[in-house]
Amino acid sequence: MQYPWGDSRRYNSYAGYFKRLYGQRVQKVAINAGFTCPNRDGTVSYSGCAYCNNDAFNPSYCKPEKDISQQIKEGIEFHHKRYMRAEKYLAYFQPYSNTYADIGLLKKKYEEALNYPGVIGLVISTRPDCINDEKLSYIAKLAEKCYILIEYGIESCYNKTLKIINRGHTFEQSVEAIERTVKYGIKTGIHLLFGLPGESKDEMLIEAETISKLPVNNVKFHQLQVLNNTSMAEEYKQNPEQFTLFSMEEYFDFLISFIERLNPAFVIERFTAEVPPRFLIAPNWGTLRNDQILSLFEKKMEEKNSWQGRLFQCF
């Protein structure tokens, strides 16, 4: 069976999207450009988001003391061992808020990345309160010549949750930033966390309908993981009953229900998070890697004859 996105995979996959767009695999290469975050430098807060430990997600070659070109070089070498077919790359400005700087510094960092051989575009991870018209106007000019996507961490559609996790912005700010970005002709992605304190499974399922109304291109989903050296780790130790930490089987069942309600036009970039065991407190899913978990999830979708957007209703 061929699905609306043009292939036989049961969801609109990131790999499939780029295969259709460029005719080949496109690999993201993470960069630590040395930016910080208004939720850490005192502009919004000093304590950061309750769940955040960026060290847990940062590849070993990503060091802000290295220049952008050196990180890309090492990143390509790192990925080449696993993905020998990749010849095109996206520079992924990942840790913290990658539009949170003077426009001159952003230009320097972004353009150094785009000038590296084989880099065909940028993915810029940031917060919805770290963007303005000056920055969007500049990024829009880049987007006329290459692939550009701004990835917003919205994490939840519920302001009560955003307050609990000390996110420092509202869902309405996320919507405004997404809509403003789209007006400039720039692709947008969003990041959503499942299992945050105080959210029921029914509330999380409703988010599928909520985000399906947004003008986004890509979505990225992660199960909540309680990590060392975060304020959430202390809260979890004191009140574990407040958390909905999924077992892998529970998460598969939830995800299937969620993506069946999701807009089929959305490209799903990833379903799960993976961190080195030394950072992880809970939940424990064993030693499976992300690609192994994805394979099991796709098998579960096949068993249930499920696909993205099966229950989606246009609004």
C-alpha atoms as a PDB file:
ATOM      1  CA  MET A   1       0.000   0.000   0.000  1.00  0.00           C
ATOM      2  CA  GLN A   2       1.235   3.482  -0.820  1.00  0.00           C
ATOM      3  CA  TYR A   3       0.328   6.183   1.688  1.00  0.00           C
ATOM      4  CA  PRO A   4      -0.414   9.897   0.991  1.00  0.00           C
ATOM      5  CA  TRP A   5       3.235  10.905   1.494  1.00  0.00           C
ATOM      6  CA  GLY A   6       4.290   8.741  -1.451  1.00  0.00           C
ATOM      7  CA  ASP A   7       5.871   5.553  -0.092  1.00  0.00           C
ATOM      8  CA  SER A   8       4.956   2.343   1.706  1.00  0.00           C
ATOM      9  CA  ARG A   9       6.241   3.284   5.150  1.00  0.00           C
ATOM     10  CA  ARG A  10       3.386   3.636   7.649  1.00  0.00           C
ATOM     11  CA  TYR A  11       4.334   7.159   8.659  1.00  0.00           C
ATOM     12  CA  ASN A  12       5.673  10.192   6.841  1.00  0.00           C
ATOM     13  CA  SER A  13       9.322   9.570   7.651  1.00  0.00           C
ATOM     14  CA  TYR A  14      12.193  12.045   7.730  1.00  0.00           C
ATOM     15  CA  ALA A  15      14.370   9.764   5.607  1.00  0.00           C
ATOM     16  CA  GLY A  16      11.591   9.301   3.060  1.00  0.00           C
ATOM     17  CA  TYR A  17      10.974  13.038   2.842  1.00  0.00           C
ATOM     18  CA  PHE A  18      14.586  13.797   1.936  1.00  0.00           C
ATOM     19  CA  LYS A  19      14.759  10.869  -0.444  1.00  0.00           C
ATOM     20  CA  ARG A  20      11.815  12.383  -2.318  1.00  0.00           C
ATOM     21  CA  LEU A  21      13.271  15.906  -2.091  1.00  0.00           C
ATOM     22  CA  TYR A  22      16.888  15.188  -3.053  1.00  0.00           C
ATOM     23  CA  GLY A  23      16.853  11.619  -4.326  1.00  0.00           C
ATOM     24  CA  GLN A  24      19.233  10.431  -1.603  1.00  0.00           C
ATOM     25  CA  ARG A  25      19.908  10.282   2.109  1.00  0.00           C
ATOM     26  CA  VAL A  26      20.553  13.585   3.890  1.00  0.00           C
ATOM     27  CA  GLN A  27      22.335  13.391   7.250  1.00  0.00           C
ATOM     28  CA  LYS A  28      22.121  15.944  10.046  1.00  0.00           C
ATOM     29  CA  VAL A  29      25.396  16.885  11.731  1.00  0.00           C
ATOM     30  CA  ALA A  30      25.036  18.385  15.209  1.00  0.00           C
ATOM     31  CA  ILE A  31      26.915  21.573  16.132  1.00  0.00           C
ATOM     32  CA  ASN A  32      27.466  23.228  19.492  1.00  0.00           C
ATOM     33  CA  ALA A  33      27.882  26.883  18.552  1.00  0.00           C
ATOM     34  CA  GLY A  34      28.349  28.055  22.141  1.00  0.00           C
ATOM     35  CA  PHE A  35      24.990  29.789  22.537  1.00  0.00           C
ATOM     36  CA  THR A  36      23.176  29.954  25.858  1.00  0.00           C
ATOM     37  CA  CYS A  37      19.487  30.305  26.761  1.00  0.00           C
ATOM     38  CA  PRO A  38      17.347  33.075  28.307  1.00  0.00           C
ATOM     39  CA  ASN A  39      16.091  30.447  30.718  1.00  0.00           C
ATOM     40  CA  ARG A  40      19.631  30.061  32.067  1.00  0.00           C
ATOM     41  CA  ASP A  41      21.279  33.475  31.868  1.00  0.00           C
ATOM     42  CA  GLY A  42      18.696  35.259  34.020  1.00  0.00           C
ATOM     43  CA  THR A  43      16.659  36.899  31.256  1.00  0.00           C
ATOM     44  CA  VAL A  44      13.805  34.500  32.023  1.00  0.00           C
ATOM     45  CA  SER A  45      15.334  32.304  34.732  1.00  0.00           C
ATOM     46  CA  TYR A  46      18.642  31.018  36.014  1.00  0.00           C
ATOM     47  CA  SER A  47      17.556  27.435  36.650  1.00  0.00           C
ATOM     48  CA  GLY A  48      16.660  26.285  33.124  1.00  0.00           C
ATOM     49  CA  CYS A  49      13.959  23.822  32.136  1.00  0.00           C
ATOM     50  CA  ALA A  50      13.321  21.180  34.781  1.00  0.00           C
ATOM     51  CA  TYR A  51      14.171  18.242  32.498  1.00  0.00           C
ATOM     52  CA  CYS A  52      17.132  19.749  30.647  1.00  0.00           C
ATOM     53  CA  ASN A  53      20.636  18.290  30.646  1.00  0.00           C
ATOM     54  CA  ASN A  54      22.087  19.124  27.251  1.00  0.00           C
ATOM     55  CA  ASP A  55      25.226  17.102  27.923  1.00  0.00           C
ATOM     56  CA  ALA A  56      23.096  13.957  27.655  1.00  0.00           C
ATOM     57  CA  PHE A  57      22.241  14.672  24.001  1.00  0.00           C
ATOM     58  CA  ASN A  58      25.449  16.292  22.797  1.00  0.00           C
ATOM     59  CA  PRO A  59      27.694  14.106  20.597  1.00  0.00           C
ATOM     60  CA  SER A  60      31.277  13.827  21.811  1.00  0.00           C
ATOM     61  CA  TYR A  61      32.683  15.866  18.917  1.00  0.00           C
ATOM     62  CA  CYS A  62      30.411  18.853  19.699  1.00  0.00           C
ATOM     63  CA  LYS A  63      32.543  21.243  21.719  1.00  0.00           C
ATOM     64  CA  PRO A  64      31.959  25.014  21.575  1.00  0.00           C
ATOM     65  CA  GLU A  65      35.714  25.683  21.736  1.00  0.00           C
ATOM     66  CA  LYS A  66      35.999  24.105  18.266  1.00  0.00           C
ATOM     67  CA  ASP A  67      35.027  26.228  15.308  1.00  0.00           C
ATOM     68  CA  ILE A  68      31.972  25.353  13.239  1.00  0.00           C
ATOM     69  CA  SER A  69      33.951  23.864  10.354  1.00  0.00           C
ATOM     70  CA  GLN A  70      35.925  21.565  12.640  1.00  0.00           C
ATOM     71  CA  GLN A  71      32.751  20.251  14.273  1.00  0.00           C
ATOM     72  CA  ILE A  72      31.171  19.587  10.881  1.00  0.00           C
ATOM     73  CA  LYS A  73      34.297  17.783   9.691  1.00  0.00           C
ATOM     74  CA  GLU A  74      34.359  15.547  12.766  1.00  0.00           C
ATOM     75  CA  GLY A  75      30.594  15.069  12.611  1.00  0.00           C
ATOM     76  CA  ILE A  76      30.715  13.863   9.018  1.00  0.00           C
ATOM     77  CA  GLU A  77      33.502  11.441   9.934  1.00  0.00           C
ATOM     78  CA  PHE A  78      31.463  10.253  12.920  1.00  0.00           C
ATOM     79  CA  HIS A  79      28.348   9.583  10.841  1.00  0.00           C
ATOM     80  CA  HIS A  80      30.215   8.169   7.851  1.00  0.00           C
ATOM     81  CA  LYS A  81      30.995   5.039   9.859  1.00  0.00           C
ATOM     82  CA  ARG A  82      27.252   4.273  10.137  1.00  0.00           C
ATOM     83  CA  TYR A  83      25.779   5.998   7.078  1.00  0.00           C
ATOM     84  CA  MET A  84      28.312   5.570   4.300  1.00  0.00           C
ATOM     85  CA  ARG A  85      25.730   6.509   1.663  1.00  0.00           C
ATOM     86  CA  ALA A  86      25.263  10.094   2.899  1.00  0.00           C
ATOM     87  CA  GLU A  87      26.771  12.760   0.669  1.00  0.00           C
ATOM     88  CA  LYS A  88      24.574  15.705   1.626  1.00  0.00           C
ATOM     89  CA  TYR A  89      24.431  17.182   5.120  1.00  0.00           C
ATOM     90  CA  LEU A  90      22.411  19.592   7.217  1.00  0.00           C
ATOM     91  CA  ALA A  91      24.260  21.562   9.886  1.00  0.00           C
ATOM     92  CA  TYR A  92      22.138  21.108  13.012  1.00  0.00           C
ATOM     93  CA  PHE A  93      22.593  23.926  15.519  1.00  0.00           C
ATOM     94  CA  GLN A  94      21.356  21.885  18.465  1.00  0.00           C
ATOM     95  CA  PRO A  95      22.227  22.720  22.118  1.00  0.00           C
ATOM     96  CA  TYR A  96      20.370  25.529  23.878  1.00  0.00           C
ATOM     97  CA  SER A  97      18.847  28.427  21.891  1.00  0.00           C
ATOM     98  CA  ASN A  98      20.503  28.925  18.530  1.00  0.00           C
ATOM     99  CA  THR A  99      18.917  32.244  17.604  1.00  0.00           C
ATOM    100  CA  TYR A 100      19.754  33.771  20.990  1.00  0.00           C
ATOM    101  CA  ALA A 101      22.560  36.103  19.916  1.00  0.00           C
ATOM    102  CA  ASP A 102      23.334  39.269  18.038  1.00  0.00           C
ATOM    103  CA  ILE A 103      22.474  39.049  14.340  1.00  0.00           C
ATOM    104  CA  GLY A 104      26.124  39.575  13.414  1.00  0.00           C
ATOM    105  CA  LEU A 105      27.236  36.520  15.372  1.00  0.00           C
ATOM    106  CA  LEU A 106      24.396  34.435  13.929  1.00  0.00           C
ATOM    107  CA  LYS A 107      25.449  35.368  10.396  1.00  0.00           C
ATOM    108  CA  LYS A 108      29.036  34.372  11.101  1.00  0.00           C
ATOM    109  CA  LYS A 109      28.086  30.974  12.550  1.00  0.00           C
ATOM    110  CA  TYR A 110      25.383  30.089  10.017  1.00  0.00           C
ATOM    111  CA  GLU A 111      27.378  31.127   6.967  1.00  0.00           C
ATOM    112  CA  GLU A 112      30.491  29.261   8.081  1.00  0.00           C
ATOM    113  CA  ALA A 113      28.353  26.131   8.251  1.00  0.00           C
ATOM    114  CA  LEU A 114      26.757  26.724   4.847  1.00  0.00           C
ATOM    115  CA  ASN A 115      30.155  27.246   3.234  1.00  0.00           C
ATOM    116  CA  TYR A 116      31.338  23.784   4.272  1.00  0.00           C
ATOM    117  CA  PRO A 117      31.445  21.319   1.315  1.00  0.00           C
ATOM    118  CA  GLY A 118      28.428  19.004   1.246  1.00  0.00           C
ATOM    119  CA  VAL A 119      26.309  21.110   3.616  1.00  0.00           C
ATOM    120  CA  ILE A 120      23.050  21.918   1.844  1.00  0.00           C
ATOM    121  CA  GLY A 121      21.214  23.665   4.651  1.00  0.00           C
ATOM    122  CA  LEU A 122      20.636  24.367   8.338  1.00  0.00           C
ATOM    123  CA  VAL A 123      18.369  23.115  11.088  1.00  0.00           C
ATOM    124  CA  ILE A 124      18.227  25.739  13.829  1.00  0.00           C
ATOM    125  CA  SER A 125      16.914  24.637  17.221  1.00  0.00           C
ATOM    126  CA  THR A 126      15.592  27.454  19.407  1.00  0.00           C
ATOM    127  CA  ARG A 127      12.863  28.740  21.733  1.00  0.00           C
ATOM    128  CA  PRO A 128       9.786  30.668  20.590  1.00  0.00           C
ATOM    129  CA  ASP A 129      10.861  33.701  22.648  1.00  0.00           C
ATOM    130  CA  CYS A 130      14.262  33.932  20.903  1.00  0.00           C
ATOM    131  CA  ILE A 131      13.163  35.085  17.463  1.00  0.00           C
ATOM    132  CA  ASN A 132      12.309  38.456  15.951  1.00  0.00           C
ATOM    133  CA  ASP A 133      11.664  40.039  12.568  1.00  0.00           C
ATOM    134  CA  GLU A 134      15.292  41.051  12.011  1.00  0.00           C
ATOM    135  CA  LYS A 135      16.504  37.473  12.475  1.00  0.00           C
ATOM    136  CA  LEU A 136      13.648  35.975  10.475  1.00  0.00           C
ATOM    137  CA  SER A 137      14.277  38.381   7.598  1.00  0.00           C
ATOM    138  CA  TYR A 138      17.917  37.295   7.427  1.00  0.00           C
ATOM    139  CA  ILE A 139      17.107  33.582   7.746  1.00  0.00           C
ATOM    140  CA  ALA A 140      14.437  33.928   5.048  1.00  0.00           C
ATOM    141  CA  LYS A 141      17.127  35.150   2.616  1.00  0.00           C
ATOM    142  CA  LEU A 142      19.178  32.044   3.387  1.00  0.00           C
ATOM    143  CA  ALA A 143      16.075  29.909   2.812  1.00  0.00           C
ATOM    144  CA  GLU A 144      15.792  31.250  -0.744  1.00  0.00           C
ATOM    145  CA  LYS A 145      19.049  29.467  -1.610  1.00  0.00           C
ATOM    146  CA  CYS A 146      19.139  26.338   0.557  1.00  0.00           C
ATOM    147  CA  TYR A 147      17.185  24.139   2.955  1.00  0.00           C
ATOM    148  CA  ILE A 148      16.430  25.935   6.235  1.00  0.00           C
ATOM    149  CA  LEU A 149      14.226  24.763   9.089  1.00  0.00           C
ATOM    150  CA  ILE A 150      13.712  26.432  12.460  1.00  0.00           C
ATOM    151  CA  GLU A 151      12.893  23.880  15.150  1.00  0.00           C
ATOM    152  CA  TYR A 152      10.922  25.229  18.096  1.00  0.00           C
ATOM    153  CA  GLY A 153      10.831  23.458  21.427  1.00  0.00           C
ATOM    154  CA  ILE A 154       7.190  23.783  22.445  1.00  0.00           C
ATOM    155  CA  GLU A 155       7.274  20.640  24.669  1.00  0.00           C
ATOM    156  CA  SER A 156       3.595  20.871  25.667  1.00  0.00           C
ATOM    157  CA  CYS A 157       0.383  22.537  24.500  1.00  0.00           C
ATOM    158  CA  TYR A 158      -0.661  23.192  28.123  1.00  0.00           C
ATOM    159  CA  ASN A 159       0.452  26.305  29.976  1.00  0.00           C
ATOM    160  CA  LYS A 160      -0.029  24.561  33.326  1.00  0.00           C
ATOM    161  CA  THR A 161       2.608  22.024  32.256  1.00  0.00           C
ATOM    162  CA  LEU A 162       4.968  24.637  30.858  1.00  0.00           C
ATOM    163  CA  LYS A 163       4.858  26.373  34.228  1.00  0.00           C
ATOM    164  CA  ILE A 164       5.546  23.144  36.138  1.00  0.00           C
ATOM    165  CA  ILE A 165       8.625  22.379  34.060  1.00  0.00           C
ATOM    166  CA  ASN A 166       9.856  25.999  34.266  1.00  0.00           C
ATOM    167  CA  ARG A 167       9.809  26.383  30.508  1.00  0.00           C
ATOM    168  CA  GLY A 168       9.514  30.154  30.736  1.00  0.00           C
ATOM    169  CA  HIS A 169       7.132  30.735  27.823  1.00  0.00           C
ATOM    170  CA  THR A 170       3.516  29.960  26.959  1.00  0.00           C
ATOM    171  CA  PHE A 171       1.968  27.806  24.268  1.00  0.00           C
ATOM    172  CA  GLU A 172       0.503  30.973  22.752  1.00  0.00           C
ATOM    173  CA  GLN A 173       4.056  32.294  22.296  1.00  0.00           C
ATOM    174  CA  SER A 174       4.944  29.072  20.498  1.00  0.00           C
ATOM    175  CA  VAL A 175       2.009  29.446  18.115  1.00  0.00           C
ATOM    176  CA  GLU A 176       2.879  33.084  17.431  1.00  0.00           C
ATOM    177  CA  ALA A 177       6.515  32.255  16.683  1.00  0.00           C
ATOM    178  CA  ILE A 178       5.559  29.406  14.338  1.00  0.00           C
ATOM    179  CA  GLU A 179       3.034  31.513  12.445  1.00  0.00           C
ATOM    180  CA  ARG A 180       5.445  34.435  12.167  1.00  0.00           C
ATOM    181  CA  THR A 181       8.198  32.161  10.859  1.00  0.00           C
ATOM    182  CA  VAL A 182       5.915  30.677   8.215  1.00  0.00           C
ATOM    183  CA  LYS A 183       4.980  34.176   7.024  1.00  0.00           C
ATOM    184  CA  TYR A 184       8.643  34.643   6.164  1.00  0.00           C
ATOM    185  CA  GLY A 185       8.566  31.486   4.043  1.00  0.00           C
ATOM    186  CA  ILE A 186      10.742  29.458   6.428  1.00  0.00           C
ATOM    187  CA  LYS A 187      10.072  25.800   7.223  1.00  0.00           C
ATOM    188  CA  THR A 188       9.234  25.048  10.843  1.00  0.00           C
ATOM    189  CA  GLY A 189       9.557  22.045  13.111  1.00  0.00           C
ATOM    190  CA  ILE A 190       8.344  21.444  16.643  1.00  0.00           C
ATOM    191  CA  HIS A 191       9.518  19.300  19.532  1.00  0.00           C
ATOM    192  CA  LEU A 192       7.000  17.700  21.917  1.00  0.00           C
ATOM    193  CA  LEU A 193       7.601  15.716  25.120  1.00  0.00           C
ATOM    194  CA  PHE A 194       5.269  12.953  26.307  1.00  0.00           C
ATOM    195  CA  GLY A 195       4.947  12.028  29.971  1.00  0.00           C
ATOM    196  CA  LEU A 196       5.456  15.434  31.566  1.00  0.00           C
ATOM    197  CA  PRO A 197       4.235  15.845  35.169  1.00  0.00           C
ATOM    198  CA  GLY A 198       0.512  16.394  35.590  1.00  0.00           C
ATOM    199  CA  GLU A 199      -0.520  15.409  32.050  1.00  0.00           C
ATOM    200  CA  SER A 200      -2.894  12.507  31.545  1.00  0.00           C
ATOM    201  CA  LYS A 201      -2.744  10.278  28.485  1.00  0.00           C
ATOM    202  CA  ASP A 202      -6.045  11.727  27.320  1.00  0.00           C
ATOM    203  CA  GLU A 203      -4.598  15.241  27.514  1.00  0.00           C
ATOM    204  CA  MET A 204      -1.554  14.148  25.558  1.00  0.00           C
ATOM    205  CA  LEU A 205      -3.736  12.578  22.865  1.00  0.00           C
ATOM    206  CA  ILE A 206      -5.643  15.850  22.468  1.00  0.00           C
ATOM    207  CA  GLU A 207      -2.337  17.465  21.553  1.00  0.00           C
ATOM    208  CA  ALA A 208      -2.389  15.540  18.271  1.00  0.00           C
ATOM    209  CA  GLU A 209      -5.413  17.550  17.180  1.00  0.00           C
ATOM    210  CA  THR A 210      -3.964  20.783  18.577  1.00  0.00           C
ATOM    211  CA  ILE A 211      -0.633  20.596  16.769  1.00  0.00           C
ATOM    212  CA  SER A 212      -2.227  19.262  13.571  1.00  0.00           C
ATOM    213  CA  LYS A 213      -3.760  22.721  13.116  1.00  0.00           C
ATOM    214  CA  LEU A 214      -0.361  24.430  13.155  1.00  0.00           C
ATOM    215  CA  PRO A 215       1.505  25.311   9.927  1.00  0.00           C
ATOM    216  CA  VAL A 216       4.528  23.114  10.642  1.00  0.00           C
ATOM    217  CA  ASN A 217       6.563  20.834   8.394  1.00  0.00           C
ATOM    218  CA  ASN A 218       8.337  18.504  10.839  1.00  0.00           C
ATOM    219  CA  VAL A 219       7.522  17.080  14.248  1.00  0.00           C
ATOM    220  CA  LYS A 220       9.836  15.425  16.740  1.00  0.00           C
ATOM    221  CA  PHE A 221       8.506  13.374  19.654  1.00  0.00           C
ATOM    222  CA  HIS A 222      10.351  12.160  22.742  1.00  0.00           C
ATOM    223  CA  GLN A 223       9.317  10.157  25.741  1.00  0.00           C
ATOM    224  CA  LEU A 224      10.148  11.924  28.996  1.00  0.00           C
ATOM    225  CA  GLN A 225      13.387  10.747  30.549  1.00  0.00           C
ATOM    226  CA  VAL A 226      14.450  11.797  34.041  1.00  0.00           C
ATOM    227  CA  LEU A 227      18.117  12.747  33.825  1.00  0.00           C
ATOM    228  CA  ASN A 228      20.843  13.333  36.370  1.00  0.00           C
ATOM    229  CA  ASN A 229      21.733  16.899  37.316  1.00  0.00           C
ATOM    230  CA  THR A 230      18.273  18.317  36.664  1.00  0.00           C
ATOM    231  CA  SER A 231      15.685  19.763  39.022  1.00  0.00           C
ATOM    232  CA  MET A 232      13.258  17.144  37.709  1.00  0.00           C
ATOM    233  CA  ALA A 233      15.520  14.418  39.083  1.00  0.00           C
ATOM    234  CA  GLU A 234      15.028  15.789  42.597  1.00  0.00           C
ATOM    235  CA  GLU A 235      11.280  16.068  42.106  1.00  0.00           C
ATOM    236  CA  TYR A 236      11.107  12.530  40.780  1.00  0.00           C
ATOM    237  CA  LYS A 237      12.897  11.171  43.814  1.00  0.00           C
ATOM    238  CA  GLN A 238      10.424  12.924  46.103  1.00  0.00           C
ATOM    239  CA  ASN A 239       7.175  12.460  44.129  1.00  0.00           C
ATOM    240  CA  PRO A 240       7.529   9.716  41.474  1.00  0.00           C
ATOM    241  CA  GLU A 241       3.739   9.224  41.371  1.00  0.00           C
ATOM    242  CA  GLN A 242       3.348  12.602  39.616  1.00  0.00           C
ATOM    243  CA  PHE A 243       5.129  11.289  36.533  1.00  0.00           C
ATOM    244  CA  THR A 244       3.756   9.264  33.621  1.00  0.00           C
ATOM    245  CA  LEU A 245       6.924   7.439  32.639  1.00  0.00           C
ATOM    246  CA  PHE A 246       6.131   5.025  29.850  1.00  0.00           C
ATOM    247  CA  SER A 247       7.382   1.503  29.550  1.00  0.00           C
ATOM    248  CA  MET A 248       8.388   0.827  25.952  1.00  0.00           C
ATOM    249  CA  GLU A 249       5.231  -1.213  25.305  1.00  0.00           C
ATOM    250  CA  GLU A 250       3.008   1.483  26.831  1.00  0.00           C
ATOM    251  CA  TYR A 251       4.746   4.123  24.749  1.00  0.00           C
ATOM    252  CA  PHE A 252       4.211   2.157  21.535  1.00  0.00           C
ATOM    253  CA  ASP A 253       0.489   1.879  22.263  1.00  0.00           C
ATOM    254  CA  PHE A 254       0.251   5.573  23.074  1.00  0.00           C
ATOM    255  CA  LEU A 255       2.235   6.634  20.009  1.00  0.00           C
ATOM    256  CA  ILE A 256       0.074   4.585  17.675  1.00  0.00           C
ATOM    257  CA  SER A 257      -3.047   6.251  19.076  1.00  0.00           C
ATOM    258  CA  PHE A 258      -1.374   9.649  18.762  1.00  0.00           C
ATOM    259  CA  ILE A 259      -0.037   9.458  15.217  1.00  0.00           C
ATOM    260  CA  GLU A 260      -3.273   7.949  13.922  1.00  0.00           C
ATOM    261  CA  ARG A 261      -4.800  11.330  14.870  1.00  0.00           C
ATOM    262  CA  LEU A 262      -1.896  13.352  13.470  1.00  0.00           C
ATOM    263  CA  ASN A 263      -1.907  15.393  10.280  1.00  0.00           C
ATOM    264  CA  PRO A 264      -0.421  13.073   7.598  1.00  0.00           C
ATOM    265  CA  ALA A 265       1.332  16.028   5.953  1.00  0.00           C
ATOM    266  CA  PHE A 266       3.679  16.318   8.942  1.00  0.00           C
ATOM    267  CA  VAL A 267       7.098  14.734   8.536  1.00  0.00           C
ATOM    268  CA  ILE A 268       7.919  12.737  11.672  1.00  0.00           C
ATOM    269  CA  GLU A 269      11.586  13.152  12.419  1.00  0.00           C
ATOM    270  CA  ARG A 270      11.839  10.906  15.450  1.00  0.00           C
ATOM    271  CA  PHE A 271       9.744   9.137  18.074  1.00  0.00           C
ATOM    272  CA  THR A 272      12.114   8.477  20.972  1.00  0.00           C
ATOM    273  CA  ALA A 273      15.023   9.947  22.884  1.00  0.00           C
ATOM    274  CA  GLU A 274      18.257   8.116  23.592  1.00  0.00           C
ATOM    275  CA  VAL A 275      20.867   9.129  26.181  1.00  0.00           C
ATOM    276  CA  PRO A 276      23.991   7.439  27.550  1.00  0.00           C
ATOM    277  CA  PRO A 277      23.080   5.214  30.546  1.00  0.00           C
ATOM    278  CA  ARG A 278      25.192   7.299  32.945  1.00  0.00           C
ATOM    279  CA  PHE A 279      22.735  10.198  32.564  1.00  0.00           C
ATOM    280  CA  LEU A 280      19.498   8.214  32.888  1.00  0.00           C
ATOM    281  CA  ILE A 281      17.497   7.764  36.095  1.00  0.00           C
ATOM    282  CA  ALA A 282      14.197   6.537  34.601  1.00  0.00           C
ATOM    283  CA  PRO A 283      12.580   4.861  32.719  1.00  0.00           C
ATOM    284  CA  ASN A 284      14.825   1.911  31.949  1.00  0.00           C
ATOM    285  CA  TRP A 285      14.213   0.468  28.471  1.00  0.00           C
ATOM    286  CA  GLY A 286      17.293  -1.718  28.487  1.00  0.00           C
ATOM    287  CA  THR A 287      20.144  -1.477  26.023  1.00  0.00           C
ATOM    288  CA  LEU A 288      18.204  -1.085  22.767  1.00  0.00           C
ATOM    289  CA  ARG A 289      19.341   1.739  20.477  1.00  0.00           C
ATOM    290  CA  ASN A 290      16.939   4.133  18.766  1.00  0.00           C
ATOM    291  CA  ASP A 291      17.064   2.331  15.424  1.00  0.00           C
ATOM    292  CA  GLN A 292      16.237  -0.985  17.139  1.00  0.00           C
ATOM    293  CA  ILE A 293      13.335   0.592  19.017  1.00  0.00           C
ATOM    294  CA  LEU A 294      12.048   2.131  15.779  1.00  0.00           C
ATOM    295  CA  SER A 295      12.141  -1.256  14.078  1.00  0.00           C
ATOM    296  CA  LEU A 296      10.049  -2.761  16.896  1.00  0.00           C
ATOM    297  CA  PHE A 297       7.623   0.150  16.723  1.00  0.00           C
ATOM    298  CA  GLU A 298       7.128  -0.214  12.985  1.00  0.00           C
ATOM    299  CA  LYS A 299       6.463  -3.912  13.495  1.00  0.00           C
ATOM    300  CA  LYS A 300       3.820  -2.992  16.090  1.00  0.00           C
ATOM    301  CA  MET A 301       2.194  -0.604  13.609  1.00  0.00           C
ATOM    302  CA  GLU A 302       2.084  -3.371  11.031  1.00  0.00           C
ATOM    303  CA  GLU A 303       0.516  -5.810  13.517  1.00  0.00           C
ATOM    304  CA  LYS A 304      -2.205  -3.270  14.303  1.00  0.00           C
ATOM    305  CA  ASN A 305      -2.589  -2.226  10.650  1.00  0.00           C
ATOM    306  CA  SER A 306      -2.013   1.348  11.771  1.00  0.00           C
ATOM    307  CA  TRP A 307      -0.677   4.375   9.895  1.00  0.00           C
ATOM    308  CA  GLN A 308      -0.195   8.086  10.404  1.00  0.00           C
ATOM    309  CA  GLY A 309      -3.405  10.042   9.941  1.00  0.00           C
ATOM    310  CA  ARG A 310      -5.706   7.007   9.919  1.00  0.00           C
ATOM    311  CA  LEU A 311      -8.124   8.867  12.230  1.00  0.00           C
ATOM    312  CA  PHE A 312      -7.117  12.375  11.173  1.00  0.00           C
ATOM    313  CA  GLN A 313      -9.937  14.785  10.447  1.00  0.00           C
ATOM    314  CA  CYS A 314      -9.337  17.963   8.474  1.00  0.00           C
ATOM    315  CA  PHE A 315     -10.241  21.116  10.326  1.00  0.00           C
END
